[in-house]
Amino acid sequence: MPLTGAWIVAFAIAVMVLVVLGLLHRTRLGDVLHEHVKDRPRRRMFLASVSFLVTFAGLRMLTWSIHNNIGPFHDVQMGGRHIHHLVWGILLLLLVGYAWLAEVGTGEVGTSLVASRLMALLYGAAAALTLDEFALWLNLRDVYWAREGRSSLDAAILFLAVLSVGAWGAPLWRGLWRKSRIHH
């Protein structure tokens, strides 16, 4: 069986998720996260942004390797058709969305902290898989390495910024708002 990019990505995401969950479970790093990021929605956004960034960077390296015939990696082909990684991202987004509808890992008080972290990490990875091929959505053809492929990078940067603002921006803006009201 050839070593397709899909297997590499699936394995890398699984390892990343397990490593992050392990690092956050009853370790000093988990304590620091809880100490400095007080509410669960912001912690989940932070974890999703870390997962997104790691997955996106890994995808870029893997696709570059495949494109340049470096290593034993190959595209996924089914019936002569290239299955793009945005397909796996959409499927994973559907899975995470379904889990949230079933109230698994929602982050609500009394729900599993591990499930909450897992869903956030999977959401970030799925968003990276999908947005890395955003240019394909727009052009309806494979322009990954063409000039039009730049829109995928733009979409990824914008999405990462939104996740980061959700994780870090809210307390900053609240603090600035409070300080401005005190001085007036």
Protein backbone atom coordinates (compact mmCIF):
# COMPACT_ATOMS: atom_id res chain seq x y z
CA MET A 1 0.00 0.00 0.00
CA PRO A 2 1.52 3.38 -1.04
CA LEU A 3 2.17 5.97 1.65
CA THR A 4 -0.45 8.52 0.66
CA GLY A 5 -0.67 12.01 2.06
CA ALA A 6 -3.99 11.11 3.69
CA TRP A 7 -2.41 8.43 5.88
CA ILE A 8 0.43 10.75 6.85
CA VAL A 9 -2.00 13.55 7.72
CA ALA A 10 -4.32 11.25 9.68
CA PHE A 11 -1.39 9.84 11.65
CA ALA A 12 0.12 13.30 12.27
CA ILE A 13 -3.22 14.72 13.48
CA ALA A 14 -3.77 11.74 15.79
CA VAL A 15 -0.26 12.13 17.25
CA MET A 16 -0.68 15.90 17.66
CA VAL A 17 -4.03 15.46 19.42
CA LEU A 18 -2.67 12.77 21.75
CA VAL A 19 0.44 14.79 22.57
CA VAL A 20 -1.52 17.98 23.32
CA LEU A 21 -4.11 16.10 25.38
CA GLY A 22 -1.30 14.37 27.26
CA LEU A 23 0.53 17.64 27.90
CA LEU A 24 -2.60 19.31 29.24
CA HIS A 25 -3.74 16.44 31.47
CA ARG A 26 -2.55 16.99 35.02
CA THR A 27 0.68 18.70 34.03
CA ARG A 28 2.09 22.13 34.78
CA LEU A 29 1.27 23.19 31.22
CA GLY A 30 -2.40 22.33 31.76
CA ASP A 31 -2.35 24.26 35.04
CA VAL A 32 -0.80 27.29 33.34
CA LEU A 33 -3.45 27.20 30.60
CA HIS A 34 -6.23 27.13 33.22
CA GLU A 35 -4.56 29.85 35.25
CA HIS A 36 -4.08 32.29 32.37
CA VAL A 37 -7.08 31.49 30.20
CA LYS A 38 -9.96 31.43 32.64
CA ASP A 39 -13.04 30.52 30.60
CA ARG A 40 -13.59 27.36 28.59
CA PRO A 41 -14.66 28.93 25.29
CA ARG A 42 -11.41 30.90 25.07
CA ARG A 43 -9.34 27.83 26.03
CA ARG A 44 -11.07 25.84 23.29
CA MET A 45 -10.41 28.64 20.76
CA PHE A 46 -6.77 28.67 21.83
CA LEU A 47 -6.48 24.90 21.38
CA ALA A 48 -8.26 25.10 18.01
CA SER A 49 -5.86 27.83 16.86
CA VAL A 50 -2.81 25.79 17.92
CA SER A 51 -4.21 22.72 16.16
CA PHE A 52 -5.05 24.78 13.08
CA LEU A 53 -1.56 26.29 12.89
CA VAL A 54 0.28 22.97 13.40
CA THR A 55 -1.94 21.12 10.92
CA PHE A 56 -1.75 23.89 8.31
CA ALA A 57 2.05 24.05 8.51
CA GLY A 58 2.29 20.26 8.31
CA LEU A 59 -0.03 20.17 5.30
CA ARG A 60 2.03 22.76 3.49
CA MET A 61 5.22 20.77 4.08
CA LEU A 62 3.58 17.50 3.01
CA THR A 63 1.99 18.92 -0.15
CA TRP A 64 5.27 20.60 -1.07
CA SER A 65 7.02 17.22 -0.65
CA ILE A 66 4.42 15.48 -2.82
CA HIS A 67 4.55 18.25 -5.44
CA ASN A 68 8.36 18.03 -5.62
CA ASN A 69 8.52 14.20 -5.47
CA ILE A 70 10.45 14.27 -2.20
CA GLY A 71 10.03 11.19 -0.07
CA PRO A 72 7.70 8.26 -0.57
CA PHE A 73 4.50 10.35 -0.36
CA HIS A 74 1.71 10.32 -2.94
CA ASP A 75 -1.70 11.89 -3.51
CA VAL A 76 -4.82 9.90 -2.72
CA GLN A 77 -6.31 8.53 -5.95
CA MET A 78 -9.65 6.76 -6.29
CA GLY A 79 -10.67 5.59 -9.73
CA GLY A 80 -8.07 7.88 -11.31
CA ARG A 81 -9.44 10.88 -9.44
CA HIS A 82 -7.32 12.90 -6.99
CA ILE A 83 -9.10 13.18 -3.65
CA HIS A 84 -8.09 16.53 -2.20
CA HIS A 85 -7.48 16.91 1.52
CA LEU A 86 -10.33 19.38 1.84
CA VAL A 87 -12.62 16.34 1.51
CA TRP A 88 -11.14 14.86 4.70
CA GLY A 89 -11.45 18.28 6.35
CA ILE A 90 -15.13 18.56 5.46
CA LEU A 91 -15.79 15.04 6.76
CA LEU A 92 -14.00 15.85 10.01
CA LEU A 93 -15.90 19.15 10.36
CA LEU A 94 -19.15 17.21 9.89
CA LEU A 95 -18.08 14.73 12.57
CA VAL A 96 -17.15 17.46 15.07
CA GLY A 97 -20.36 19.35 14.30
CA TYR A 98 -22.40 16.22 14.88
CA ALA A 99 -20.60 15.59 18.16
CA TRP A 100 -21.36 19.14 19.28
CA LEU A 101 -25.02 18.70 18.29
CA ALA A 102 -25.02 15.56 20.44
CA GLU A 103 -23.50 17.76 23.18
CA VAL A 104 -20.19 15.92 23.24
CA GLY A 105 -17.28 18.18 24.15
CA THR A 106 -19.29 21.38 24.18
CA GLY A 107 -17.33 22.81 27.08
CA GLU A 108 -20.40 23.30 29.21
CA VAL A 109 -19.92 23.00 32.95
CA GLY A 110 -20.22 19.37 33.97
CA THR A 111 -19.10 17.99 30.60
CA SER A 112 -15.87 16.14 29.95
CA LEU A 113 -12.84 18.40 29.83
CA VAL A 114 -10.97 15.85 27.68
CA ALA A 115 -13.85 15.63 25.18
CA SER A 116 -14.00 19.43 25.05
CA ARG A 117 -10.29 19.66 24.30
CA LEU A 118 -10.49 16.82 21.79
CA MET A 119 -13.31 18.48 19.85
CA ALA A 120 -11.46 21.82 19.80
CA LEU A 121 -8.27 20.18 18.52
CA LEU A 122 -10.14 18.20 15.86
CA TYR A 123 -12.04 21.33 14.79
CA GLY A 124 -8.78 23.24 14.29
CA ALA A 125 -7.25 20.39 12.29
CA ALA A 126 -10.39 20.00 10.16
CA ALA A 127 -10.51 23.74 9.45
CA ALA A 128 -6.85 23.62 8.34
CA LEU A 129 -7.50 20.66 6.04
CA THR A 130 -10.40 22.54 4.47
CA LEU A 131 -9.02 26.08 4.27
CA ASP A 132 -5.65 24.91 2.92
CA GLU A 133 -7.53 24.27 -0.31
CA PHE A 134 -9.78 27.34 -0.18
CA ALA A 135 -8.55 28.35 -3.64
CA LEU A 136 -10.10 25.14 -4.98
CA TRP A 137 -13.49 26.31 -3.64
CA LEU A 138 -13.18 29.60 -5.48
CA ASN A 139 -11.76 28.38 -8.78
CA LEU A 140 -13.34 24.92 -8.95
CA ARG A 141 -10.04 23.62 -10.23
CA ASP A 142 -6.69 22.72 -8.69
CA VAL A 143 -4.72 25.95 -8.44
CA TYR A 144 -2.83 25.00 -5.26
CA TRP A 145 0.59 25.90 -6.69
CA ALA A 146 -0.64 28.58 -9.10
CA ARG A 147 -0.88 32.31 -8.33
CA GLU A 148 -4.58 31.90 -7.52
CA GLY A 149 -3.59 29.44 -4.78
CA ARG A 150 -2.53 32.42 -2.68
CA SER A 151 -6.19 32.86 -1.65
CA SER A 152 -5.84 29.69 0.46
CA LEU A 153 -3.05 31.32 2.47
CA ASP A 154 -5.12 34.49 2.84
CA ALA A 155 -8.15 32.53 4.06
CA ALA A 156 -6.02 30.56 6.53
CA ILE A 157 -4.40 33.70 7.95
CA LEU A 158 -7.79 35.37 8.31
CA PHE A 159 -9.31 32.33 10.04
CA LEU A 160 -6.33 32.00 12.40
CA ALA A 161 -6.69 35.70 13.22
CA VAL A 162 -10.39 35.20 14.07
CA LEU A 163 -9.56 32.25 16.34
CA SER A 164 -6.77 34.26 17.99
CA VAL A 165 -8.99 37.28 18.55
CA GLY A 166 -11.55 34.98 20.17
CA ALA A 167 -8.91 33.46 22.41
CA TRP A 168 -6.91 36.57 23.31
CA GLY A 169 -8.74 39.65 22.06
CA ALA A 170 -11.85 39.61 24.23
CA PRO A 171 -10.05 40.20 27.55
CA LEU A 172 -7.81 42.82 25.93
CA TRP A 173 -10.73 44.80 24.53
CA ARG A 174 -12.69 44.44 27.79
CA GLY A 175 -9.68 45.70 29.75
CA LEU A 176 -9.15 48.64 27.41
CA TRP A 177 -12.85 49.47 27.61
CA ARG A 178 -12.81 49.41 31.42
CA LYS A 179 -9.67 51.56 31.60
CA SER A 180 -11.09 54.10 29.18
CA ARG A 181 -14.30 54.37 31.25
CA ILE A 182 -12.36 54.81 34.50
CA HIS A 183 -10.29 57.68 33.11
CA HIS A 184 -13.33 59.56 31.77
